[in-house]
C-alpha atoms as a PDB file:
ATOM      1  CA  MET A   1      61.297  44.864  19.035  1.00  0.00           C
ATOM      2  CA  PRO A   2      59.968  46.159  22.254  1.00  0.00           C
ATOM      3  CA  ARG A   3      57.833  43.180  24.126  1.00  0.00           C
ATOM      4  CA  LEU A   4      53.858  43.597  23.542  1.00  0.00           C
ATOM      5  CA  VAL A   5      51.456  42.985  26.025  1.00  0.00           C
ATOM      6  CA  PHE A   6      47.892  41.720  24.770  1.00  0.00           C
ATOM      7  CA  THR A   7      44.027  40.513  25.870  1.00  0.00           C
ATOM      8  CA  HIS A   8      41.222  39.554  23.972  1.00  0.00           C
ATOM      9  CA  ASN A   9      37.572  38.098  24.281  1.00  0.00           C
ATOM     10  CA  ASN A  10      37.945  34.196  24.919  1.00  0.00           C
ATOM     11  CA  SER A  11      35.736  34.743  27.545  1.00  0.00           C
ATOM     12  CA  GLN A  12      32.908  35.752  25.286  1.00  0.00           C
ATOM     13  CA  HIS A  13      32.720  33.656  22.726  1.00  0.00           C
ATOM     14  CA  ASP A  14      33.417  30.203  21.654  1.00  0.00           C
ATOM     15  CA  ASN A  15      35.561  31.333  18.446  1.00  0.00           C
ATOM     16  CA  GLY A  16      37.715  35.005  20.332  1.00  0.00           C
ATOM     17  CA  ARG A  17      37.246  36.967  17.683  1.00  0.00           C
ATOM     18  CA  ILE A  18      39.131  39.966  19.343  1.00  0.00           C
ATOM     19  CA  VAL A  19      43.112  39.916  19.915  1.00  0.00           C
ATOM     20  CA  ILE A  20      44.460  43.590  20.553  1.00  0.00           C
ATOM     21  CA  GLY A  21      48.290  44.575  21.472  1.00  0.00           C
ATOM     22  CA  TRP A  22      49.943  46.916  22.773  1.00  0.00           C
ATOM     23  CA  CYS A  23      52.867  48.290  23.309  1.00  0.00           C
ATOM     24  CA  PRO A  24      52.950  49.284  27.520  1.00  0.00           C
ATOM     25  CA  SER A  25      56.470  51.181  27.140  1.00  0.00           C
ATOM     26  CA  SER A  26      54.197  53.728  24.693  1.00  0.00           C
ATOM     27  CA  PHE A  27      50.395  53.328  25.828  1.00  0.00           C
ATOM     28  CA  HIS A  28      48.624  52.213  29.083  1.00  0.00           C
ATOM     29  CA  VAL A  29      45.293  50.635  27.983  1.00  0.00           C
ATOM     30  CA  ASN A  30      41.945  50.037  30.712  1.00  0.00           C
ATOM     31  CA  ILE A  31      40.190  47.122  29.483  1.00  0.00           C
ATOM     32  CA  LEU A  32      36.729  48.846  30.424  1.00  0.00           C
ATOM     33  CA  SER A  33      34.104  45.848  28.813  1.00  0.00           C
ATOM     34  CA  MET A  34      34.410  43.127  26.199  1.00  0.00           C
ATOM     35  CA  ARG A  35      31.331  41.341  24.402  1.00  0.00           C
ATOM     36  CA  SER A  36      31.521  39.182  21.947  1.00  0.00           C
ATOM     37  CA  GLN A  37      31.638  41.599  19.291  1.00  0.00           C
ATOM     38  CA  TYR A  38      33.422  43.910  21.017  1.00  0.00           C
ATOM     39  CA  ILE A  39      36.338  45.591  23.180  1.00  0.00           C
ATOM     40  CA  HIS A  40      36.664  48.690  25.015  1.00  0.00           C
ATOM     41  CA  CYS A  41      39.257  50.009  26.629  1.00  0.00           C
ATOM     42  CA  GLU A  42      40.669  53.191  27.570  1.00  0.00           C
ATOM     43  CA  VAL A  43      44.204  53.849  25.875  1.00  0.00           C
ATOM     44  CA  LYS A  44      46.660  56.802  28.176  1.00  0.00           C
ATOM     45  CA  PRO A  45      49.572  57.681  25.983  1.00  0.00           C
ATOM     46  CA  THR A  46      52.879  56.903  28.506  1.00  0.00           C
ATOM     47  CA  GLN A  47      54.936  59.926  27.103  1.00  0.00           C
ATOM     48  CA  GLY A  48      51.835  62.816  27.365  1.00  0.00           C
ATOM     49  CA  GLY A  49      49.194  63.173  25.019  1.00  0.00           C
ATOM     50  CA  GLN A  50      45.770  62.804  24.793  1.00  0.00           C
ATOM     51  CA  ASP A  51      44.491  60.254  25.807  1.00  0.00           C
ATOM     52  CA  PHE A  52      40.901  58.627  24.732  1.00  0.00           C
ATOM     53  CA  PHE A  53      38.284  56.105  24.502  1.00  0.00           C
ATOM     54  CA  CYS A  54      38.536  52.875  21.517  1.00  0.00           C
ATOM     55  CA  THR A  55      36.699  50.677  20.845  1.00  0.00           C
ATOM     56  CA  PHE A  56      37.349  47.395  18.343  1.00  0.00           C
ATOM     57  CA  VAL A  57      35.233  45.856  16.809  1.00  0.00           C
ATOM     58  CA  TYR A  58      34.134  42.576  15.030  1.00  0.00           C
ATOM     59  CA  GLY A  59      30.203  42.310  14.044  1.00  0.00           C
ATOM     60  CA  PHE A  60      28.832  38.795  13.099  1.00  0.00           C
ATOM     61  CA  ASN A  61      27.693  38.227  10.247  1.00  0.00           C
ATOM     62  CA  GLU A  62      23.864  37.578  10.374  1.00  0.00           C
ATOM     63  CA  ILE A  63      21.699  41.079  10.983  1.00  0.00           C
ATOM     64  CA  SER A  64      19.845  39.816  13.392  1.00  0.00           C
ATOM     65  CA  SER A  65      22.814  38.847  15.503  1.00  0.00           C
ATOM     66  CA  ARG A  66      24.513  42.323  14.705  1.00  0.00           C
ATOM     67  CA  SER A  67      21.704  44.345  16.879  1.00  0.00           C
ATOM     68  CA  ALA A  68      23.712  43.073  20.458  1.00  0.00           C
ATOM     69  CA  LEU A  69      26.461  45.177  18.990  1.00  0.00           C
ATOM     70  CA  TRP A  70      24.636  48.140  17.868  1.00  0.00           C
ATOM     71  CA  ASP A  71      22.599  47.946  21.457  1.00  0.00           C
ATOM     72  CA  GLY A  72      26.371  47.908  23.208  1.00  0.00           C
ATOM     73  CA  ILE A  73      27.673  50.581  21.257  1.00  0.00           C
ATOM     74  CA  ARG A  74      24.331  52.928  22.158  1.00  0.00           C
ATOM     75  CA  GLU A  75      25.042  51.827  26.257  1.00  0.00           C
ATOM     76  CA  ILE A  76      28.713  52.707  26.091  1.00  0.00           C
ATOM     77  CA  SER A  77      28.368  56.051  24.212  1.00  0.00           C
ATOM     78  CA  LYS A  78      25.622  56.668  27.329  1.00  0.00           C
ATOM     79  CA  LYS A  79      28.900  56.661  29.452  1.00  0.00           C
ATOM     80  CA  VAL A  80      31.576  57.826  27.445  1.00  0.00           C
ATOM     81  CA  GLU A  81      32.797  61.682  28.543  1.00  0.00           C
ATOM     82  CA  GLY A  82      35.348  62.781  26.299  1.00  0.00           C
ATOM     83  CA  GLY A  83      37.462  61.516  22.658  1.00  0.00           C
ATOM     84  CA  TRP A  84      36.046  58.052  21.319  1.00  0.00           C
ATOM     85  CA  VAL A  85      36.941  56.317  18.218  1.00  0.00           C
ATOM     86  CA  LEU A  86      35.690  52.928  16.639  1.00  0.00           C
ATOM     87  CA  MET A  87      37.340  50.479  14.402  1.00  0.00           C
ATOM     88  CA  GLY A  88      37.063  46.939  12.424  1.00  0.00           C
ATOM     89  CA  ASP A  89      35.274  45.108  10.835  1.00  0.00           C
ATOM     90  CA  PHE A  90      31.478  45.506  11.591  1.00  0.00           C
ATOM     91  CA  ASN A  91      30.761  43.530   8.731  1.00  0.00           C
ATOM     92  CA  ALA A  92      27.447  46.048   8.311  1.00  0.00           C
ATOM     93  CA  LEU A  93      26.584  48.562   5.633  1.00  0.00           C
ATOM     94  CA  SER A  94      25.525  52.216   6.197  1.00  0.00           C
ATOM     95  CA  SER A  95      25.225  53.358   1.734  1.00  0.00           C
ATOM     96  CA  VAL A  96      23.818  51.353  -0.519  1.00  0.00           C
ATOM     97  CA  ASP A  97      26.986  52.807  -2.314  1.00  0.00           C
ATOM     98  CA  ASP A  98      29.113  50.401   0.731  1.00  0.00           C
ATOM     99  CA  ARG A  99      28.666  47.144  -1.618  1.00  0.00           C
ATOM    100  CA  ILE A 100      28.936  46.509  -6.180  1.00  0.00           C
ATOM    101  CA  GLY A 101      28.414  43.164  -7.139  1.00  0.00           C
ATOM    102  CA  SER A 102      25.255  42.626  -5.225  1.00  0.00           C
ATOM    103  CA  THR A 103      21.922  44.046  -4.383  1.00  0.00           C
ATOM    104  CA  VAL A 104      21.699  46.323  -1.143  1.00  0.00           C
ATOM    105  CA  ARG A 105      18.655  46.178   0.393  1.00  0.00           C
ATOM    106  CA  VAL A 106      17.263  49.364   2.491  1.00  0.00           C
ATOM    107  CA  ALA A 107      16.744  46.736   5.287  1.00  0.00           C
ATOM    108  CA  GLU A 108      20.587  46.191   5.905  1.00  0.00           C
ATOM    109  CA  ILE A 109      21.976  49.658   6.263  1.00  0.00           C
ATOM    110  CA  ARG A 110      19.179  50.728   8.154  1.00  0.00           C
ATOM    111  CA  PRO A 111      20.976  49.592  11.952  1.00  0.00           C
ATOM    112  CA  MET A 112      24.176  50.632  11.538  1.00  0.00           C
ATOM    113  CA  LYS A 113      22.987  54.533   9.952  1.00  0.00           C
ATOM    114  CA  GLU A 114      20.443  54.558  12.719  1.00  0.00           C
ATOM    115  CA  CYS A 115      23.053  53.607  15.428  1.00  0.00           C
ATOM    116  CA  LEU A 116      25.907  56.097  14.116  1.00  0.00           C
ATOM    117  CA  ASN A 117      23.385  58.812  14.023  1.00  0.00           C
ATOM    118  CA  GLU A 118      22.003  58.234  17.327  1.00  0.00           C
ATOM    119  CA  CYS A 119      25.663  58.202  18.786  1.00  0.00           C
ATOM    120  CA  GLY A 120      27.007  60.835  16.521  1.00  0.00           C
ATOM    121  CA  LEU A 121      29.500  58.958  15.674  1.00  0.00           C
ATOM    122  CA  ALA A 122      31.129  59.951  11.644  1.00  0.00           C
ATOM    123  CA  ASP A 123      34.185  58.656   9.427  1.00  0.00           C
ATOM    124  CA  VAL A 124      37.474  59.775   9.874  1.00  0.00           C
ATOM    125  CA  LYS A 125      38.767  60.832   6.939  1.00  0.00           C
ATOM    126  CA  ALA A 126      40.204  57.549   5.445  1.00  0.00           C
ATOM    127  CA  SER A 127      42.314  57.083   2.153  1.00  0.00           C
ATOM    128  CA  GLY A 128      43.541  53.251  -0.096  1.00  0.00           C
ATOM    129  CA  ARG A 129      41.095  51.294  -0.217  1.00  0.00           C
ATOM    130  CA  TYR A 130      37.361  51.748  -0.888  1.00  0.00           C
ATOM    131  CA  PHE A 131      35.852  48.850  -0.975  1.00  0.00           C
ATOM    132  CA  THR A 132      37.558  46.686   2.513  1.00  0.00           C
ATOM    133  CA  TRP A 133      35.972  43.110   1.329  1.00  0.00           C
ATOM    134  CA  THR A 134      35.854  41.082  -1.854  1.00  0.00           C
ATOM    135  CA  ASN A 135      34.672  37.665  -1.645  1.00  0.00           C
ATOM    136  CA  LYS A 136      38.027  36.858  -4.482  1.00  0.00           C
ATOM    137  CA  GLN A 137      35.009  35.183  -6.797  1.00  0.00           C
ATOM    138  CA  GLU A 138      35.626  34.813 -10.484  1.00  0.00           C
ATOM    139  CA  GLY A 139      33.812  37.138 -13.119  1.00  0.00           C
ATOM    140  CA  ALA A 140      30.692  38.296 -12.422  1.00  0.00           C
ATOM    141  CA  ALA A 141      30.755  36.566  -9.077  1.00  0.00           C
ATOM    142  CA  ARG A 142      32.585  39.394  -7.530  1.00  0.00           C
ATOM    143  CA  VAL A 143      31.662  41.371  -4.664  1.00  0.00           C
ATOM    144  CA  PHE A 144      32.990  44.313  -2.937  1.00  0.00           C
ATOM    145  CA  SER A 145      31.832  45.641   0.663  1.00  0.00           C
ATOM    146  CA  ARG A 146      32.717  48.777   2.679  1.00  0.00           C
ATOM    147  CA  ILE A 147      32.356  47.157   5.972  1.00  0.00           C
ATOM    148  CA  ASP A 148      35.601  47.860   7.562  1.00  0.00           C
ATOM    149  CA  ARG A 149      35.546  51.376   9.013  1.00  0.00           C
ATOM    150  CA  VAL A 150      37.200  53.576  11.464  1.00  0.00           C
ATOM    151  CA  ILE A 151      34.080  56.156  13.079  1.00  0.00           C
ATOM    152  CA  ALA A 152      34.762  58.478  16.152  1.00  0.00           C
ATOM    153  CA  ASN A 153      32.614  61.463  17.811  1.00  0.00           C
ATOM    154  CA  SER A 154      32.920  64.603  16.730  1.00  0.00           C
ATOM    155  CA  ILE A 155      35.112  65.132  20.387  1.00  0.00           C
ATOM    156  CA  TRP A 156      38.215  62.535  19.092  1.00  0.00           C
ATOM    157  CA  LEU A 157      37.823  63.915  15.582  1.00  0.00           C
ATOM    158  CA  ASP A 158      38.163  68.079  17.185  1.00  0.00           C
ATOM    159  CA  TRP A 159      40.886  66.622  19.141  1.00  0.00           C
ATOM    160  CA  PHE A 160      43.092  64.361  16.372  1.00  0.00           C
ATOM    161  CA  ASP A 161      42.209  66.423  13.585  1.00  0.00           C
ATOM    162  CA  GLN A 162      45.213  65.465  11.949  1.00  0.00           C
ATOM    163  CA  ALA A 163      44.469  61.632  12.602  1.00  0.00           C
ATOM    164  CA  ALA A 164      44.237  59.543   9.430  1.00  0.00           C
ATOM    165  CA  VAL A 165      42.889  56.496   8.513  1.00  0.00           C
ATOM    166  CA  THR A 166      44.634  54.690   5.272  1.00  0.00           C
ATOM    167  CA  PHE A 167      43.154  51.335   4.100  1.00  0.00           C
ATOM    168  CA  LEU A 168      45.960  49.280   2.371  1.00  0.00           C
ATOM    169  CA  PRO A 169      45.877  46.680  -0.875  1.00  0.00           C
ATOM    170  CA  GLU A 170      44.420  43.259   0.648  1.00  0.00           C
ATOM    171  CA  GLY A 171      47.231  41.128  -1.621  1.00  0.00           C
ATOM    172  CA  ASP A 172      45.733  37.912  -0.730  1.00  0.00           C
ATOM    173  CA  PHE A 173      43.319  38.304   1.792  1.00  0.00           C
ATOM    174  CA  ASP A 174      39.699  39.263   1.566  1.00  0.00           C
ATOM    175  CA  HIS A 175      39.532  42.302   3.932  1.00  0.00           C
ATOM    176  CA  SER A 176      42.350  45.803   3.835  1.00  0.00           C
ATOM    177  CA  PRO A 177      44.682  46.000   6.132  1.00  0.00           C
ATOM    178  CA  VAL A 178      43.955  49.231   8.379  1.00  0.00           C
ATOM    179  CA  VAL A 179      46.257  51.688  10.276  1.00  0.00           C
ATOM    180  CA  LEU A 180      45.001  54.420  12.139  1.00  0.00           C
ATOM    181  CA  ARG A 181      47.647  57.225  12.760  1.00  0.00           C
ATOM    182  CA  VAL A 182      46.845  59.568  16.229  1.00  0.00           C
ATOM    183  CA  TYR A 183      49.910  61.441  16.607  1.00  0.00           C
ATOM    184  CA  GLU A 184      52.835  62.414  14.952  1.00  0.00           C
ATOM    185  CA  VAL A 185      55.766  59.759  15.140  1.00  0.00           C
ATOM    186  CA  PRO A 186      59.368  61.020  14.380  1.00  0.00           C
ATOM    187  CA  LEU A 187      61.340  58.945  11.104  1.00  0.00           C
ATOM    188  CA  ILE A 188      63.450  57.359  12.411  1.00  0.00           C
ATOM    189  CA  LYS A 189      66.768  56.190  10.861  1.00  0.00           C
ATOM    190  CA  ARG A 190      66.483  52.322  10.856  1.00  0.00           C
ATOM    191  CA  PRO A 191      69.939  50.707  11.540  1.00  0.00           C
ATOM    192  CA  PHE A 192      71.983  48.472   8.943  1.00  0.00           C
ATOM    193  CA  LYS A 193      71.391  44.786   9.283  1.00  0.00           C
ATOM    194  CA  PHE A 194      73.666  41.886   7.632  1.00  0.00           C
ATOM    195  CA  CYS A 195      70.712  38.862   7.144  1.00  0.00           C
ATOM    196  CA  ASN A 196      72.883  35.303   7.613  1.00  0.00           C
ATOM    197  CA  MET A 197      71.148  34.159   4.445  1.00  0.00           C
ATOM    198  CA  TRP A 198      72.523  36.411   1.903  1.00  0.00           C
ATOM    199  CA  CYS A 199      75.579  34.565   2.100  1.00  0.00           C
ATOM    200  CA  TYR A 200      74.030  32.084   0.556  1.00  0.00           C
ATOM    201  CA  TYR A 201      73.697  33.846  -2.682  1.00  0.00           C
ATOM    202  CA  SER A 202      76.676  34.046  -4.993  1.00  0.00           C
ATOM    203  CA  THR A 203      75.584  37.989  -6.750  1.00  0.00           C
ATOM    204  CA  MET A 204      76.042  39.254  -2.886  1.00  0.00           C
ATOM    205  CA  MET A 205      79.755  38.032  -2.798  1.00  0.00           C
ATOM    206  CA  ASP A 206      80.331  39.631  -6.745  1.00  0.00           C
ATOM    207  CA  ALA A 207      78.608  42.764  -5.339  1.00  0.00           C
ATOM    208  CA  VAL A 208      80.593  43.041  -2.220  1.00  0.00           C
ATOM    209  CA  GLN A 209      83.738  42.555  -4.143  1.00  0.00           C
ATOM    210  CA  GLU A 210      83.673  44.983  -7.118  1.00  0.00           C
ATOM    211  CA  ALA A 211      81.863  48.029  -4.543  1.00  0.00           C
ATOM    212  CA  TRP A 212      85.561  46.955  -2.178  1.00  0.00           C
ATOM    213  CA  ARG A 213      87.828  46.867  -5.639  1.00  0.00           C
ATOM    214  CA  LEU A 214      86.976  51.067  -6.666  1.00  0.00           C
ATOM    215  CA  PRO A 215      89.401  53.040  -4.997  1.00  0.00           C
ATOM    216  CA  VAL A 216      89.517  55.398  -1.955  1.00  0.00           C
ATOM    217  CA  GLN A 217      91.702  58.283  -0.990  1.00  0.00           C
ATOM    218  CA  GLY A 218      92.693  59.247   2.285  1.00  0.00           C
ATOM    219  CA  CYS A 219      94.111  57.120   5.598  1.00  0.00           C
ATOM    220  CA  PRO A 220      93.621  53.329   5.924  1.00  0.00           C
ATOM    221  CA  MET A 221      91.347  53.665   8.503  1.00  0.00           C
ATOM    222  CA  TYR A 222      88.651  56.077   6.049  1.00  0.00           C
ATOM    223  CA  GLN A 223      89.348  53.674   3.391  1.00  0.00           C
ATOM    224  CA  VAL A 224      88.121  51.034   4.931  1.00  0.00           C
ATOM    225  CA  VAL A 225      84.840  53.215   6.517  1.00  0.00           C
ATOM    226  CA  GLU A 226      84.367  54.970   3.294  1.00  0.00           C
ATOM    227  CA  LYS A 227      84.315  50.798   1.185  1.00  0.00           C
ATOM    228  CA  LEU A 228      81.830  49.511   4.302  1.00  0.00           C
ATOM    229  CA  LYS A 229      80.178  52.731   3.302  1.00  0.00           C
ATOM    230  CA  ARG A 230      80.274  51.824  -0.347  1.00  0.00           C
ATOM    231  CA  VAL A 231      79.310  47.699   0.439  1.00  0.00           C
ATOM    232  CA  LYS A 232      76.138  49.017   2.792  1.00  0.00           C
ATOM    233  CA  GLY A 233      74.578  50.760  -0.260  1.00  0.00           C
ATOM    234  CA  VAL A 234      74.651  47.803  -2.525  1.00  0.00           C
ATOM    235  CA  LEU A 235      73.168  45.460  -0.036  1.00  0.00           C
ATOM    236  CA  ARG A 236      70.536  47.799   1.040  1.00  0.00           C
ATOM    237  CA  ASN A 237      69.781  47.927  -3.150  1.00  0.00           C
ATOM    238  CA  LEU A 238      70.658  43.977  -3.350  1.00  0.00           C
ATOM    239  CA  LYS A 239      67.952  43.483  -1.003  1.00  0.00           C
ATOM    240  CA  LYS A 240      64.960  45.219  -2.905  1.00  0.00           C
ATOM    241  CA  GLN A 241      65.511  44.313  -5.872  1.00  0.00           C
ATOM    242  CA  GLY A 242      66.085  40.931  -4.152  1.00  0.00           C
ATOM    243  CA  PHE A 243      69.042  38.238  -4.065  1.00  0.00           C
ATOM    244  CA  GLY A 244      68.294  35.123  -6.317  1.00  0.00           C
ATOM    245  CA  GLU A 245      65.922  34.779  -8.718  1.00  0.00           C
ATOM    246  CA  ALA A 246      63.400  32.962  -6.788  1.00  0.00           C
ATOM    247  CA  GLU A 247      63.109  36.597  -4.713  1.00  0.00           C
ATOM    248  CA  LYS A 248      63.480  38.432  -7.824  1.00  0.00           C
ATOM    249  CA  ASP A 249      60.685  36.957  -9.947  1.00  0.00           C
ATOM    250  CA  LEU A 250      58.699  37.184  -5.996  1.00  0.00           C
ATOM    251  CA  ILE A 251      59.219  40.412  -5.755  1.00  0.00           C
ATOM    252  CA  GLN A 252      58.352  41.339  -9.683  1.00  0.00           C
ATOM    253  CA  ALA A 253      55.050  38.969  -9.280  1.00  0.00           C
ATOM    254  CA  THR A 254      53.825  40.875  -5.632  1.00  0.00           C
ATOM    255  CA  GLU A 255      54.329  44.443  -8.056  1.00  0.00           C
ATOM    256  CA  GLU A 256      52.673  43.408 -10.672  1.00  0.00           C
ATOM    257  CA  PHE A 257      49.624  41.601  -8.060  1.00  0.00           C
ATOM    258  CA  SER A 258      49.275  45.174  -6.768  1.00  0.00           C
ATOM    259  CA  MET A 259      49.162  47.227  -9.432  1.00  0.00           C
ATOM    260  CA  ILE A 260      46.021  44.559 -10.750  1.00  0.00           C
ATOM    261  CA  GLN A 261      44.151  45.406  -7.511  1.00  0.00           C
ATOM    262  CA  ASP A 262      45.003  48.731  -8.393  1.00  0.00           C
ATOM    263  CA  LYS A 263      42.751  48.722 -11.616  1.00  0.00           C
ATOM    264  CA  LEU A 264      40.363  46.769 -10.501  1.00  0.00           C
ATOM    265  CA  HIS A 265      39.969  49.116  -7.320  1.00  0.00           C
ATOM    266  CA  GLU A 266      39.452  51.926  -9.599  1.00  0.00           C
ATOM    267  CA  ASN A 267      36.798  49.354 -12.130  1.00  0.00           C
ATOM    268  CA  PRO A 268      35.755  47.013  -9.774  1.00  0.00           C
ATOM    269  CA  GLY A 269      32.893  45.695 -12.306  1.00  0.00           C
ATOM    270  CA  ASN A 270      35.652  44.794 -14.834  1.00  0.00           C
ATOM    271  CA  ILE A 271      35.607  41.553 -15.678  1.00  0.00           C
ATOM    272  CA  ASP A 272      38.977  40.863 -17.624  1.00  0.00           C
ATOM    273  CA  CYS A 273      41.001  42.372 -14.502  1.00  0.00           C
ATOM    274  CA  ILE A 274      39.227  40.099 -12.603  1.00  0.00           C
ATOM    275  CA  GLU A 275      40.662  37.352 -14.552  1.00  0.00           C
ATOM    276  CA  GLN A 276      44.143  39.159 -14.317  1.00  0.00           C
ATOM    277  CA  GLU A 277      44.446  39.670 -10.731  1.00  0.00           C
ATOM    278  CA  ARG A 278      43.683  35.628 -10.793  1.00  0.00           C
ATOM    279  CA  SER A 279      46.459  34.885 -13.300  1.00  0.00           C
ATOM    280  CA  ALA A 280      48.286  37.011 -10.748  1.00  0.00           C
ATOM    281  CA  ARG A 281      47.973  35.683  -7.599  1.00  0.00           C
ATOM    282  CA  GLY A 282      48.658  32.419  -9.133  1.00  0.00           C
ATOM    283  CA  LYS A 283      51.842  33.624  -9.865  1.00  0.00           C
ATOM    284  CA  VAL A 284      52.246  35.014  -6.796  1.00  0.00           C
ATOM    285  CA  GLN A 285      51.757  31.711  -4.721  1.00  0.00           C
ATOM    286  CA  ARG A 286      54.197  29.725  -7.169  1.00  0.00           C
ATOM    287  CA  ALA A 287      57.485  31.900  -6.453  1.00  0.00           C
ATOM    288  CA  LYS A 288      56.250  32.297  -2.898  1.00  0.00           C
ATOM    289  CA  LYS A 289      56.473  28.326  -2.798  1.00  0.00           C
ATOM    290  CA  CYS A 290      60.408  28.511  -4.683  1.00  0.00           C
ATOM    291  CA  VAL A 291      61.123  30.933  -2.464  1.00  0.00           C
ATOM    292  CA  GLN A 292      59.779  28.857   0.374  1.00  0.00           C
ATOM    293  CA  ALA A 293      61.779  25.750  -1.313  1.00  0.00           C
ATOM    294  CA  MET A 294      64.918  27.155  -1.918  1.00  0.00           C
ATOM    295  CA  LEU A 295      64.688  29.153   1.927  1.00  0.00           C
ATOM    296  CA  GLN A 296      63.951  25.064   3.225  1.00  0.00           C
ATOM    297  CA  GLN A 297      66.996  23.389   1.640  1.00  0.00           C
ATOM    298  CA  GLN A 298      69.490  25.784   2.979  1.00  0.00           C
ATOM    299  CA  ALA A 299      68.531  25.436   6.539  1.00  0.00           C
ATOM    300  CA  LYS A 300      68.501  21.706   5.689  1.00  0.00           C
ATOM    301  CA  LEU A 301      71.825  21.928   4.189  1.00  0.00           C
ATOM    302  CA  LYS A 302      73.048  24.434   6.998  1.00  0.00           C
ATOM    303  CA  TRP A 303      71.960  21.427   9.457  1.00  0.00           C
ATOM    304  CA  LEU A 304      73.697  18.862   8.105  1.00  0.00           C
ATOM    305  CA  LYS A 305      76.691  20.962   7.898  1.00  0.00           C
ATOM    306  CA  CYS A 306      77.028  22.110  11.312  1.00  0.00           C
ATOM    307  CA  GLY A 307      76.366  18.901  12.600  1.00  0.00           C
ATOM    308  CA  ASP A 308      79.734  17.019  10.782  1.00  0.00           C
ATOM    309  CA  GLU A 309      81.588  19.478  12.252  1.00  0.00           C
ATOM    310  CA  LYS A 310      80.446  19.433  15.676  1.00  0.00           C
ATOM    311  CA  THR A 311      79.621  23.407  15.836  1.00  0.00           C
ATOM    312  CA  LYS A 312      78.199  25.082  18.391  1.00  0.00           C
ATOM    313  CA  PHE A 313      75.198  26.078  16.677  1.00  0.00           C
ATOM    314  CA  PHE A 314      74.730  22.335  16.381  1.00  0.00           C
ATOM    315  CA  TYR A 315      74.379  21.843  20.086  1.00  0.00           C
ATOM    316  CA  GLN A 316      72.508  24.854  20.869  1.00  0.00           C
ATOM    317  CA  ALA A 317      70.086  23.953  19.435  1.00  0.00           C
ATOM    318  CA  ILE A 318      69.651  20.098  20.695  1.00  0.00           C
ATOM    319  CA  LYS A 319      70.103  21.552  24.154  1.00  0.00           C
ATOM    320  CA  GLN A 320      66.867  23.777  23.321  1.00  0.00           C
ATOM    321  CA  GLU A 321      65.025  20.341  21.965  1.00  0.00           C
ATOM    322  CA  GLU A 322      66.142  17.938  25.381  1.00  0.00           C
ATOM    323  CA  GLY A 323      62.535  18.098  27.590  1.00  0.00           C
ATOM    324  CA  ARG A 324      60.495  19.372  25.315  1.00  0.00           C
ATOM    325  CA  ILE A 325      56.910  16.481  24.733  1.00  0.00           C
ATOM    326  CA  VAL A 326      57.170  15.955  21.031  1.00  0.00           C
ATOM    327  CA  SER A 327      54.345  13.917  20.549  1.00  0.00           C
ATOM    328  CA  CYS A 328      51.591  11.952  22.541  1.00  0.00           C
ATOM    329  CA  TYR A 329      50.110   8.553  21.974  1.00  0.00           C
ATOM    330  CA  SER A 330      46.790   7.339  23.249  1.00  0.00           C
ATOM    331  CA  GLN A 331      46.586   3.285  23.920  1.00  0.00           C
END
């Protein structure tokens, strides 16, 4: 995993509302300006490719407070020379179709619409969720809004005509995560990694033994290599399906939850779907707790076993705790 570099706008707001992370071996990021509602920077790829300007946005909830955001975007547009893209949670609407479940007033959409028109900004082509936020309320109180956006000027859209935005399923969150793909990324085959926790499951050992017993013709070394490949395939499948009952239940519950949310976004006003989503969310949360409890128990058992056996793992863990302040008391 490559090391990431981070920056934030803590100096502009008490809560530090925006955090940006990037890989320095892939990009040079030059922070040009920041305010409480945005961070504006220049992005330069290290391996070649077109550099561009990018503004990360997190707008305030109140309409009056966002006026500083629109003024800031207008000011940046006067200085930008080249491609410019903006992305984030604008907390604002630009069309009466951007919200369902609550009335949209013209006064709400005017500030953002006027700003986009003045600065020559338009949406980058997108797929996935149309409504990017929901209040998660029950029944008729449910509201869906399109407040997360990726927009750009005409120069950026011409430079990166293959760029695509994907709004992912929201799952347990109120916002839909967004992914902006700008550059062509070659597909890299991920190496197989064995997880030690798999050893806790009898299903893993049964599957490995069954795959290893199958005959292979050839010299001894060839037989070993082919059997290892077969075992790797079996473990990959088990990983997808879930090793234990708790993991299987979580995977199944998550898939059902995602399917129900897909139906809900196709028909946002469907009360039955809203109720089904509530039930499915509870099922996922219960399954997560079961998996977490199982892992905690297994970790505790391993810790006790390593302590009794005085293993190297146990002493390394103890050394890491030395010199660490655990708690402070004020008298």
